[in-house]
């Protein structure tokens, strides 16, 4: 046999057996019993007994931080509207952290891609507009304007989304607004 092949095989066996040898020897990863309180888990901040017991009493997972507090976002939304061609949409004005923006949620089951134009109108004639491509499919999507500094009161803002066929005719399929009246049944 080739000595080089035997040497490579022996090296692979040694490398593969190291984790097994460590498990059999029972290493003290938490550092308990070495008098230092150190070790791998401790150096990663995962086994400090005083911190673990305090967090465990509080019901928290010691290995993960607490939830991040999100700033409050207020929204004013119009009703969810449906077009007979297979389009659903709801449009909202959102406000949070001193900023205001528009968002339209939609689902396009019409079988074709559409164009959407979302416009947010604010006090003193301020207007922000964005165009969004609306893919065909059953998955929900959203179109959102950039956020802008809030001016005046939240009631001074409104948003309108218009969904149209993206060909030469630009036929409007649905107009959804943040202050649209609820559709009448009947």
Protein backbone atom coordinates (compact mmCIF):
# COMPACT_ATOMS: atom_id res chain seq x y z
CA UNK A 1 0.00 0.00 0.00
CA UNK A 2 0.96 3.56 -0.49
CA UNK A 3 2.33 5.15 2.71
CA UNK A 4 0.99 8.54 1.72
CA UNK A 5 -2.57 7.15 1.57
CA UNK A 6 -2.17 5.52 4.98
CA UNK A 7 -0.88 8.78 6.46
CA UNK A 8 -3.79 10.80 5.03
CA UNK A 9 -6.28 8.22 6.32
CA UNK A 10 -4.73 8.30 9.80
CA UNK A 11 -4.84 12.10 9.86
CA UNK A 12 -8.52 12.12 8.90
CA UNK A 13 -9.31 9.57 11.64
CA UNK A 14 -7.49 11.67 14.25
CA UNK A 15 -9.33 14.84 13.21
CA UNK A 16 -12.68 13.06 13.26
CA UNK A 17 -12.02 11.49 16.67
CA UNK A 18 -11.17 14.75 18.48
CA UNK A 19 -14.82 15.73 19.15
CA UNK A 20 -15.53 12.22 20.39
CA UNK A 21 -12.48 12.29 22.68
CA UNK A 22 -13.58 15.63 24.09
CA UNK A 23 -17.09 14.35 24.77
CA UNK A 24 -15.75 11.25 26.52
CA UNK A 25 -13.35 13.31 28.66
CA UNK A 26 -16.27 15.51 29.73
CA UNK A 27 -14.81 19.00 29.33
CA UNK A 28 -16.12 21.65 31.64
CA UNK A 29 -17.28 24.23 29.09
CA UNK A 30 -19.01 26.31 31.73
CA UNK A 31 -15.78 26.65 33.67
CA UNK A 32 -17.26 25.17 36.84
CA UNK A 33 -14.69 23.44 38.97
CA UNK A 34 -11.66 25.26 37.54
CA UNK A 35 -11.87 27.92 40.23
CA UNK A 36 -11.98 30.72 37.68
CA UNK A 37 -15.63 30.67 36.70
CA UNK A 38 -14.51 31.07 33.09
CA UNK A 39 -14.78 28.72 30.14
CA UNK A 40 -16.17 28.86 26.65
CA UNK A 41 -19.84 29.38 27.53
CA UNK A 42 -18.98 31.96 30.13
CA UNK A 43 -16.80 33.91 27.71
CA UNK A 44 -19.75 34.05 25.33
CA UNK A 45 -21.98 35.35 28.14
CA UNK A 46 -24.09 32.22 28.21
CA UNK A 47 -23.39 30.71 31.62
CA UNK A 48 -22.94 33.40 34.24
CA UNK A 49 -24.90 31.69 37.05
CA UNK A 50 -25.96 34.91 38.77
CA UNK A 51 -27.24 36.47 35.54
CA UNK A 52 -28.93 33.25 34.42
CA UNK A 53 -30.79 32.79 37.68
CA UNK A 54 -31.96 36.43 37.77
CA UNK A 55 -33.19 36.26 34.16
CA UNK A 56 -34.71 32.82 34.68
CA UNK A 57 -36.68 34.17 37.64
CA UNK A 58 -37.88 37.00 35.42
CA UNK A 59 -38.95 34.49 32.75
CA UNK A 60 -36.38 35.64 30.16
CA UNK A 61 -34.13 33.51 28.03
CA UNK A 62 -30.57 34.33 29.21
CA UNK A 63 -29.11 33.76 25.75
CA UNK A 64 -31.26 36.31 23.98
CA UNK A 65 -31.95 40.01 24.57
CA UNK A 66 -35.39 41.31 25.41
CA UNK A 67 -37.81 42.62 22.79
CA UNK A 68 -36.96 45.86 21.06
CA UNK A 69 -39.50 48.54 21.80
CA UNK A 70 -41.05 49.87 18.61
CA UNK A 71 -42.18 53.45 18.28
CA UNK A 72 -45.93 53.85 18.06
CA UNK A 73 -47.40 54.21 14.58
CA UNK A 74 -50.93 55.53 14.16
CA UNK A 75 -52.92 54.78 11.03
CA UNK A 76 -56.13 55.96 9.41
CA UNK A 77 -57.35 53.54 6.77
CA UNK A 78 -60.23 53.51 4.38
CA UNK A 79 -62.27 50.35 3.82
CA UNK A 80 -60.97 47.33 1.94
CA UNK A 81 -62.31 47.61 -1.60
CA UNK A 82 -62.66 44.96 -4.32
CA UNK A 83 -62.79 45.34 -8.08
CA UNK A 84 -64.63 42.72 -10.16
CA UNK A 85 -61.42 42.15 -12.17
CA UNK A 86 -59.72 40.47 -9.18
CA UNK A 87 -58.08 43.29 -7.26
CA UNK A 88 -58.41 44.12 -3.57
CA UNK A 89 -56.90 47.18 -1.90
CA UNK A 90 -56.94 49.23 1.28
CA UNK A 91 -55.15 52.56 1.62
CA UNK A 92 -53.91 54.21 4.80
CA UNK A 93 -52.15 57.30 6.11
CA UNK A 94 -49.58 56.39 8.76
CA UNK A 95 -47.93 58.65 11.30
CA UNK A 96 -45.14 57.96 13.76
CA UNK A 97 -42.06 59.62 15.22
CA UNK A 98 -43.01 62.97 13.68
CA UNK A 99 -43.31 61.57 10.16
CA UNK A 100 -46.28 60.87 7.90
CA UNK A 101 -46.52 58.54 4.89
CA UNK A 102 -49.01 56.61 2.81
CA UNK A 103 -49.39 52.87 2.32
CA UNK A 104 -51.70 50.79 0.18
CA UNK A 105 -52.14 47.08 0.82
CA UNK A 106 -53.27 45.05 -2.18
CA UNK A 107 -53.84 41.60 -3.61
CA UNK A 108 -53.89 41.26 -7.40
CA UNK A 109 -55.58 38.09 -8.67
CA UNK A 110 -56.49 39.67 -12.03
CA UNK A 111 -53.95 37.53 -13.87
CA UNK A 112 -51.95 40.48 -15.19
CA UNK A 113 -49.43 42.95 -13.86
CA UNK A 114 -50.83 46.38 -12.99
CA UNK A 115 -49.53 49.85 -12.21
CA UNK A 116 -50.38 51.66 -9.01
CA UNK A 117 -49.95 55.32 -8.19
CA UNK A 118 -50.11 56.20 -4.50
CA UNK A 119 -50.53 59.86 -3.58
CA UNK A 120 -50.41 61.42 -0.11
CA UNK A 121 -51.89 64.89 0.19
CA UNK A 122 -51.08 67.03 3.21
CA UNK A 123 -51.62 70.50 4.58
CA UNK A 124 -50.58 73.57 2.57
CA UNK A 125 -50.77 71.73 -0.74
CA UNK A 126 -48.00 69.26 0.10
CA UNK A 127 -48.17 66.18 -2.12
CA UNK A 128 -46.01 63.05 -2.34
CA UNK A 129 -46.56 60.54 -5.12
CA UNK A 130 -44.99 57.18 -5.97
CA UNK A 131 -45.57 54.64 -8.74
CA UNK A 132 -45.50 50.93 -7.88
CA UNK A 133 -45.49 47.84 -10.07
CA UNK A 134 -48.18 45.40 -8.92
CA UNK A 135 -47.34 41.81 -9.80
CA UNK A 136 -50.09 39.33 -10.62
CA UNK A 137 -50.62 36.62 -8.04
CA UNK A 138 -52.42 35.73 -4.86
CA UNK A 139 -49.71 37.06 -2.54
CA UNK A 140 -50.51 40.30 -0.73
CA UNK A 141 -48.28 43.28 -1.42
CA UNK A 142 -47.91 46.91 -0.49
CA UNK A 143 -47.02 50.21 -2.05
CA UNK A 144 -45.60 52.86 0.27
CA UNK A 145 -44.56 56.47 -0.16
CA UNK A 146 -41.39 57.85 1.39
CA UNK A 147 -41.84 59.24 4.90
CA UNK A 148 -41.97 62.99 5.31
CA UNK A 149 -41.90 65.32 8.28
CA UNK A 150 -45.40 65.77 9.70
CA UNK A 151 -46.93 69.22 9.38
CA UNK A 152 -50.19 70.23 11.00
CA UNK A 153 -52.66 67.68 12.35
CA UNK A 154 -53.04 64.05 11.28
CA UNK A 155 -56.53 64.85 9.98
CA UNK A 156 -54.94 67.16 7.41
CA UNK A 157 -53.55 64.17 5.47
CA UNK A 158 -55.22 61.78 3.05
CA UNK A 159 -53.95 59.11 0.66
CA UNK A 160 -55.33 57.73 -2.61
CA UNK A 161 -54.12 54.70 -4.57
CA UNK A 162 -55.15 54.18 -8.17
CA UNK A 163 -54.65 50.78 -9.82
CA UNK A 164 -54.66 50.68 -13.62
CA UNK A 165 -53.82 48.47 -16.59
CA UNK A 166 -50.29 49.45 -17.75
CA UNK A 167 -51.03 49.64 -21.44
CA UNK A 168 -51.82 52.60 -23.69
CA UNK A 169 -55.36 52.91 -22.43
CA UNK A 170 -54.39 53.03 -18.72
CA UNK A 171 -57.86 51.80 -17.74
CA UNK A 172 -58.51 52.48 -14.04
CA UNK A 173 -59.54 49.31 -12.19
CA UNK A 174 -59.77 50.57 -8.63
CA UNK A 175 -59.34 53.78 -6.62
CA UNK A 176 -58.82 53.29 -2.89
CA UNK A 177 -58.54 56.11 -0.39
CA UNK A 178 -57.68 56.54 3.27
CA UNK A 179 -60.94 58.37 3.78
CA UNK A 180 -63.11 56.44 1.30
CA UNK A 181 -66.64 55.78 2.45
CA UNK A 182 -67.51 52.16 3.10
CA UNK A 183 -69.07 50.51 0.03
CA UNK A 184 -72.84 50.18 0.14
CA UNK A 185 -74.20 46.67 0.10
CA UNK A 186 -77.34 46.15 -1.86
